[in-house]
Amino acid sequence: MPNAEAPIVAEGEGGGGESALGPRLRLRRKVRGLSLQTLAERSGVSIGQLSQIERGISSPSLRSLRAVCAALDMPVGWLFDNGEEADPADAGLIVRAEKRRFLDLGAKGMSKELMTPDAVPGVQMMRIVIRPGGASGETPYNQEQGAKCGTVLRGVLGLELDGRSHELRAGDSFAFDATRWHRFWCAGTEDCEVLWVVTPAVY
């Protein structure tokens, strides 16, 4: 699992609008009839941080997100749900382009679309779009197991591995052991689009 302090995207388009993450968490909290204080007590995440997350001011770490979702009896994957019903014939096998689950991490300047079904948790592919200035965070993070690879579809991707920075452009690819400390960001003046694959799945 990613470092406790790692931002979600430790794998996370915003377009300037409010992230959908916060409103979805707030709606679920209200459906469950919980106050911010109660949710804070159950999840171990401070009231102040929860409030900022719900208002789209900040993005939680992956560990914090999992703790909050557990306190809400809510799978993390629900945050990617686009509300579309999958064709039964596709279930567990195919994800149609128009039915990808989407997560806007506005506070981090990026978004992710899940491109693989939940039925195969051993691997997960995402389309990540990072806006200029957007990043996975200032602090590198790692996972206890697995690997990551991908290719840049457009723009310029900055990728730091164990303290060494690299720039990748459209057509360039990468692969590394997920136990290595890493972070990534948009290194150009235009949106950076990346096809990102991680094993095992993290969402």
Protein backbone atom coordinates (compact mmCIF):
# COMPACT_ATOMS: atom_id res chain seq x y z
CA MET A 1 0.00 0.00 0.00
CA PRO A 2 1.16 3.57 -0.59
CA ASN A 3 2.89 5.54 2.17
CA ALA A 4 0.38 6.91 4.70
CA GLU A 5 1.23 10.47 3.69
CA ALA A 6 1.01 9.83 -0.05
CA PRO A 7 -1.75 11.68 -1.89
CA ILE A 8 -4.38 9.55 -3.53
CA VAL A 9 -3.03 9.85 -6.88
CA ALA A 10 -0.32 8.55 -5.76
CA GLU A 11 -1.61 7.11 -9.02
CA GLY A 12 -4.76 11.52 -9.46
CA GLU A 13 -8.41 16.92 -14.58
CA GLY A 14 -10.05 19.33 -12.87
CA GLY A 15 -10.84 21.96 -15.52
CA GLY A 16 -10.95 24.44 -12.68
CA GLY A 17 -14.19 23.06 -11.26
CA GLU A 18 -14.79 21.57 -7.85
CA SER A 19 -13.63 18.00 -7.44
CA ALA A 20 -16.47 15.44 -7.43
CA LEU A 21 -14.71 13.54 -4.65
CA GLY A 22 -15.76 15.89 -1.86
CA PRO A 23 -19.45 16.17 -2.75
CA ARG A 24 -19.74 12.39 -3.09
CA LEU A 25 -18.19 11.84 0.31
CA ARG A 26 -20.43 14.53 1.84
CA LEU A 27 -23.55 13.00 0.28
CA ARG A 28 -22.67 9.55 1.58
CA ARG A 29 -22.02 10.99 5.06
CA LYS A 30 -25.43 12.66 5.08
CA VAL A 31 -27.13 9.50 3.82
CA ARG A 32 -25.54 7.66 6.73
CA GLY A 33 -26.75 10.39 9.08
CA LEU A 34 -23.27 11.15 10.42
CA SER A 35 -21.88 14.46 11.59
CA LEU A 36 -18.35 15.51 10.67
CA GLN A 37 -17.35 14.93 14.29
CA THR A 38 -18.69 11.37 14.30
CA LEU A 39 -17.02 10.60 10.98
CA ALA A 40 -13.76 12.03 12.30
CA GLU A 41 -13.96 9.81 15.38
CA ARG A 42 -14.71 6.71 13.32
CA SER A 43 -12.11 7.31 10.62
CA GLY A 44 -9.30 8.91 12.60
CA VAL A 45 -9.21 11.82 10.13
CA SER A 46 -9.53 15.30 11.68
CA ILE A 47 -12.70 17.37 11.33
CA GLY A 48 -10.69 20.14 9.66
CA GLN A 49 -9.26 17.80 7.04
CA LEU A 50 -12.65 16.20 6.39
CA SER A 51 -14.20 19.61 5.89
CA GLN A 52 -11.51 20.61 3.39
CA ILE A 53 -11.91 17.33 1.51
CA GLU A 54 -15.69 17.72 1.29
CA ARG A 55 -15.31 21.27 -0.02
CA GLY A 56 -12.75 20.22 -2.62
CA ILE A 57 -10.00 22.33 -1.05
CA SER A 58 -7.62 19.40 -0.50
CA SER A 59 -7.22 15.77 -1.51
CA PRO A 60 -6.80 12.99 1.07
CA SER A 61 -4.00 10.45 1.18
CA LEU A 62 -4.95 6.97 0.02
CA ARG A 63 -4.89 5.70 3.60
CA SER A 64 -7.14 8.56 4.79
CA LEU A 65 -9.53 7.96 1.91
CA ARG A 66 -9.78 4.27 2.75
CA ALA A 67 -10.36 5.08 6.44
CA VAL A 68 -13.14 7.54 5.60
CA CYS A 69 -14.79 5.16 3.14
CA ALA A 70 -14.61 2.33 5.68
CA ALA A 71 -16.29 4.56 8.27
CA LEU A 72 -19.01 5.30 5.71
CA ASP A 73 -19.42 1.63 4.71
CA MET A 74 -18.47 2.75 1.23
CA PRO A 75 -16.01 1.02 -1.14
CA VAL A 76 -13.36 3.40 -2.47
CA GLY A 77 -14.34 2.29 -5.98
CA TRP A 78 -17.73 3.97 -5.59
CA LEU A 79 -16.00 7.33 -5.99
CA PHE A 80 -15.25 6.36 -9.59
CA ASP A 81 -18.83 5.29 -10.39
CA ASN A 82 -20.23 7.24 -13.34
CA GLY A 83 -23.79 6.11 -12.66
CA GLU A 84 -24.04 4.02 -15.81
CA GLU A 85 -25.29 0.43 -15.72
CA ALA A 86 -22.88 -1.94 -17.41
CA ASP A 87 -24.10 -4.33 -20.09
CA PRO A 88 -24.38 -7.78 -18.42
CA ALA A 89 -22.43 -9.28 -21.31
CA ASP A 90 -19.50 -6.94 -20.52
CA ALA A 91 -19.50 -7.44 -16.75
CA GLY A 92 -16.10 -8.32 -15.39
CA LEU A 93 -14.55 -8.32 -18.85
CA ILE A 94 -15.03 -5.08 -20.79
CA VAL A 95 -15.21 -1.41 -19.79
CA ARG A 96 -16.87 0.68 -22.49
CA ALA A 97 -15.33 4.12 -23.12
CA GLU A 98 -18.52 5.94 -22.15
CA LYS A 99 -18.86 3.95 -18.92
CA ARG A 100 -15.44 4.43 -17.38
CA ARG A 101 -15.53 5.44 -13.73
CA PHE A 102 -14.07 8.88 -13.25
CA LEU A 103 -12.43 10.59 -10.28
CA ASP A 104 -11.62 14.30 -10.40
CA LEU A 105 -8.82 15.21 -8.00
CA GLY A 106 -9.22 18.93 -8.55
CA ALA A 107 -7.06 19.95 -5.60
CA LYS A 108 -4.15 18.04 -7.14
CA GLY A 109 -4.75 19.25 -10.69
CA MET A 110 -5.49 15.88 -12.19
CA SER A 111 -8.15 13.27 -12.92
CA LYS A 112 -8.26 9.51 -13.39
CA GLU A 113 -10.48 7.17 -15.37
CA LEU A 114 -10.53 3.46 -14.54
CA MET A 115 -10.17 1.41 -17.72
CA THR A 116 -10.22 -2.10 -16.29
CA PRO A 117 -13.01 -4.01 -14.52
CA ASP A 118 -12.98 -4.74 -10.78
CA ALA A 119 -13.17 -8.46 -11.50
CA VAL A 120 -9.43 -8.52 -12.22
CA PRO A 121 -7.82 -6.93 -9.12
CA GLY A 122 -4.36 -8.17 -10.04
CA VAL A 123 -3.88 -5.30 -12.47
CA GLN A 124 -5.43 -1.89 -13.03
CA MET A 125 -5.15 0.49 -15.98
CA MET A 126 -6.02 4.16 -15.76
CA ARG A 127 -6.08 7.19 -18.02
CA ILE A 128 -4.60 10.07 -16.04
CA VAL A 129 -4.79 13.70 -17.15
CA ILE A 130 -2.61 16.18 -15.28
CA ARG A 131 -3.05 19.91 -15.75
CA PRO A 132 -0.06 22.29 -15.82
CA GLY A 133 1.04 22.68 -12.21
CA GLY A 134 -0.71 19.47 -11.20
CA ALA A 135 1.18 16.74 -9.38
CA SER A 136 0.80 13.61 -7.28
CA GLY A 137 2.23 15.66 -4.43
CA GLU A 138 5.47 17.14 -3.14
CA THR A 139 6.32 14.03 -1.14
CA PRO A 140 7.41 10.84 -2.93
CA TYR A 141 5.56 7.66 -1.96
CA ASN A 142 5.86 3.93 -2.50
CA GLN A 143 3.93 0.68 -2.13
CA GLU A 144 4.78 -2.53 -0.31
CA GLN A 145 4.51 -4.60 -3.47
CA GLY A 146 3.74 -4.55 -7.18
CA ALA A 147 4.92 -2.60 -10.19
CA LYS A 148 3.88 0.34 -12.32
CA CYS A 149 4.27 1.08 -16.00
CA GLY A 150 2.77 3.32 -18.61
CA THR A 151 3.18 5.54 -21.64
CA VAL A 152 2.76 9.26 -22.24
CA LEU A 153 0.03 9.96 -24.77
CA ARG A 154 0.49 13.75 -24.92
CA GLY A 155 2.25 16.51 -23.07
CA VAL A 156 5.31 16.20 -20.87
CA LEU A 157 5.41 14.01 -17.75
CA GLY A 158 7.84 14.64 -14.91
CA LEU A 159 8.68 11.44 -13.05
CA GLU A 160 10.89 11.22 -9.96
CA LEU A 161 12.29 7.83 -8.94
CA ASP A 162 14.40 7.53 -5.78
CA GLY A 163 15.32 11.20 -5.97
CA ARG A 164 16.22 11.28 -9.66
CA SER A 165 13.96 13.25 -12.01
CA HIS A 166 13.09 12.32 -15.59
CA GLU A 167 11.06 13.99 -18.35
CA LEU A 168 8.98 11.86 -20.68
CA ARG A 169 7.24 13.06 -23.83
CA ALA A 170 4.50 11.65 -26.04
CA GLY A 171 5.40 8.10 -27.04
CA ASP A 172 7.87 7.55 -24.18
CA SER A 173 7.17 4.67 -21.81
CA PHE A 174 8.26 3.71 -18.30
CA ALA A 175 8.18 0.81 -15.83
CA PHE A 176 9.41 0.50 -12.25
CA ASP A 177 9.00 -1.52 -9.09
CA ALA A 178 6.29 0.09 -6.97
CA THR A 179 8.44 -0.26 -3.86
CA ARG A 180 10.68 2.54 -5.19
CA TRP A 181 9.97 6.06 -3.92
CA HIS A 182 8.31 8.06 -6.67
CA ARG A 183 6.10 10.98 -7.60
CA PHE A 184 4.94 12.53 -10.89
CA TRP A 185 3.68 15.83 -12.32
CA CYS A 186 2.87 17.76 -15.49
CA ALA A 187 6.19 19.17 -16.66
CA GLY A 188 4.87 21.19 -19.59
CA THR A 189 2.52 24.07 -20.30
CA GLU A 190 -0.22 21.83 -21.70
CA ASP A 191 -2.21 18.99 -20.16
CA CYS A 192 -0.27 15.76 -19.80
CA GLU A 193 -2.18 12.56 -20.59
CA VAL A 194 -0.80 9.23 -19.40
CA LEU A 195 -1.89 5.62 -19.74
CA TRP A 196 -0.96 4.29 -16.28
CA VAL A 197 -0.91 0.63 -15.22
CA VAL A 198 -0.40 -0.64 -11.67
CA THR A 199 -0.22 -4.10 -10.12
CA PRO A 200 -2.04 -4.98 -8.02
CA ALA A 201 -5.05 -2.66 -8.30
CA VAL A 202 -5.10 0.20 -5.77
CA TYR A 203 -8.75 1.31 -6.18
